Amino acid sequence: MWALANIAGEDDLTFRDTILEEGVLQDIVRNLCRPPKRNLYTRTAVWLLSILVRGPEYPPFEIVNGK
């Protein structure tokens, strides 16, 4: 997740959108719904989520929605 956050955080939003298109968002949310493994895992997952859904151009809703 750390590596994906670094890649998605680049100025080129193409990387962020590509990661979202691969379904990573749904996997992260699914893993966060399970009992927490440890605090670092949760913090890294939330950090990655915040990067994946931020602007300046927000990702297409269809990608974030998972449909």
C-alpha atoms as a PDB file:
ATOM      1  CA  MET A   1       0.000   0.000   0.000  1.00  0.00           C
ATOM      2  CA  TRP A   2       2.865   2.344   0.754  1.00  0.00           C
ATOM      3  CA  ALA A   3       4.235   1.941  -2.772  1.00  0.00           C
ATOM      4  CA  LEU A   4       0.798   2.451  -4.335  1.00  0.00           C
ATOM      5  CA  ALA A   5       0.316   5.644  -2.315  1.00  0.00           C
ATOM      6  CA  ASN A   6       3.651   6.981  -3.525  1.00  0.00           C
ATOM      7  CA  ILE A   7       2.804   6.157  -7.134  1.00  0.00           C
ATOM      8  CA  ALA A   8      -0.739   7.532  -6.908  1.00  0.00           C
ATOM      9  CA  GLY A   9       0.521  10.700  -5.246  1.00  0.00           C
ATOM     10  CA  GLU A  10       2.505  11.765  -8.299  1.00  0.00           C
ATOM     11  CA  ASP A  11       1.430  14.939 -10.073  1.00  0.00           C
ATOM     12  CA  ASP A  12       0.357  12.934 -13.120  1.00  0.00           C
ATOM     13  CA  LEU A  13      -3.201  11.833 -12.318  1.00  0.00           C
ATOM     14  CA  THR A  14      -2.927   9.037 -14.874  1.00  0.00           C
ATOM     15  CA  PHE A  15      -1.169   6.892 -12.275  1.00  0.00           C
ATOM     16  CA  ARG A  16      -3.932   7.449  -9.725  1.00  0.00           C
ATOM     17  CA  ASP A  17      -6.645   6.628 -12.248  1.00  0.00           C
ATOM     18  CA  THR A  18      -4.835   3.497 -13.417  1.00  0.00           C
ATOM     19  CA  ILE A  19      -4.570   2.230  -9.849  1.00  0.00           C
ATOM     20  CA  LEU A  20      -8.280   2.894  -9.321  1.00  0.00           C
ATOM     21  CA  GLU A  21      -9.198   1.133 -12.573  1.00  0.00           C
ATOM     22  CA  GLU A  22      -7.440  -1.995 -11.320  1.00  0.00           C
ATOM     23  CA  GLY A  23      -9.899  -2.247  -8.411  1.00  0.00           C
ATOM     24  CA  VAL A  24      -7.478  -1.415  -5.616  1.00  0.00           C
ATOM     25  CA  LEU A  25     -10.000   0.802  -3.843  1.00  0.00           C
ATOM     26  CA  GLN A  26     -12.457  -2.045  -3.298  1.00  0.00           C
ATOM     27  CA  ASP A  27      -9.683  -4.301  -1.937  1.00  0.00           C
ATOM     28  CA  ILE A  28      -8.544  -1.664   0.535  1.00  0.00           C
ATOM     29  CA  VAL A  29     -12.051  -1.031   1.815  1.00  0.00           C
ATOM     30  CA  ARG A  30     -12.704  -4.768   2.104  1.00  0.00           C
ATOM     31  CA  ASN A  31      -9.524  -5.223   4.157  1.00  0.00           C
ATOM     32  CA  LEU A  32     -10.340  -2.277   6.399  1.00  0.00           C
ATOM     33  CA  CYS A  33     -13.704  -3.867   7.267  1.00  0.00           C
ATOM     34  CA  ARG A  34     -11.900  -6.817   8.837  1.00  0.00           C
ATOM     35  CA  PRO A  35     -10.551  -6.671  12.386  1.00  0.00           C
ATOM     36  CA  PRO A  36      -7.492  -4.388  12.425  1.00  0.00           C
ATOM     37  CA  LYS A  37      -4.147  -6.067  12.002  1.00  0.00           C
ATOM     38  CA  ARG A  38      -2.226  -3.166  13.542  1.00  0.00           C
ATOM     39  CA  ASN A  39      -2.286   0.603  13.615  1.00  0.00           C
ATOM     40  CA  LEU A  40       0.354   1.097  10.926  1.00  0.00           C
ATOM     41  CA  TYR A  41      -1.696  -0.931   8.443  1.00  0.00           C
ATOM     42  CA  THR A  42      -4.788   1.169   9.106  1.00  0.00           C
ATOM     43  CA  ARG A  43      -2.905   4.469   8.868  1.00  0.00           C
ATOM     44  CA  THR A  44      -1.267   3.468   5.592  1.00  0.00           C
ATOM     45  CA  ALA A  45      -4.590   2.312   4.142  1.00  0.00           C
ATOM     46  CA  VAL A  46      -6.324   5.569   5.089  1.00  0.00           C
ATOM     47  CA  TRP A  47      -3.414   7.568   3.650  1.00  0.00           C
ATOM     48  CA  LEU A  48      -3.704   5.653   0.365  1.00  0.00           C
ATOM     49  CA  LEU A  49      -7.484   6.167   0.298  1.00  0.00           C
ATOM     50  CA  SER A  50      -7.066   9.901   0.785  1.00  0.00           C
ATOM     51  CA  ILE A  51      -4.648  10.075  -2.143  1.00  0.00           C
ATOM     52  CA  LEU A  52      -6.901   8.012  -4.412  1.00  0.00           C
ATOM     53  CA  VAL A  53      -9.962  10.224  -3.981  1.00  0.00           C
ATOM     54  CA  ARG A  54      -8.383  13.680  -3.991  1.00  0.00           C
ATOM     55  CA  GLY A  55      -8.335  16.340  -6.737  1.00  0.00           C
ATOM     56  CA  PRO A  56      -7.539  18.818  -8.339  1.00  0.00           C
ATOM     57  CA  GLU A  57      -9.402  16.733 -10.882  1.00  0.00           C
ATOM     58  CA  TYR A  58     -11.362  14.156  -8.979  1.00  0.00           C
ATOM     59  CA  PRO A  59     -11.321  10.610 -10.307  1.00  0.00           C
ATOM     60  CA  PRO A  60     -14.306   9.532 -12.409  1.00  0.00           C
ATOM     61  CA  PHE A  61     -17.209   8.442 -10.218  1.00  0.00           C
ATOM     62  CA  GLU A  62     -17.570   5.151 -12.092  1.00  0.00           C
ATOM     63  CA  ILE A  63     -14.066   4.132 -11.032  1.00  0.00           C
ATOM     64  CA  VAL A  64     -14.489   5.136  -7.392  1.00  0.00           C
ATOM     65  CA  ASN A  65     -17.951   3.603  -7.194  1.00  0.00           C
ATOM     66  CA  GLY A  66     -16.588   0.256  -8.361  1.00  0.00           C
ATOM     67  CA  LYS A  67     -19.209  -0.371 -11.021  1.00  0.00           C
END
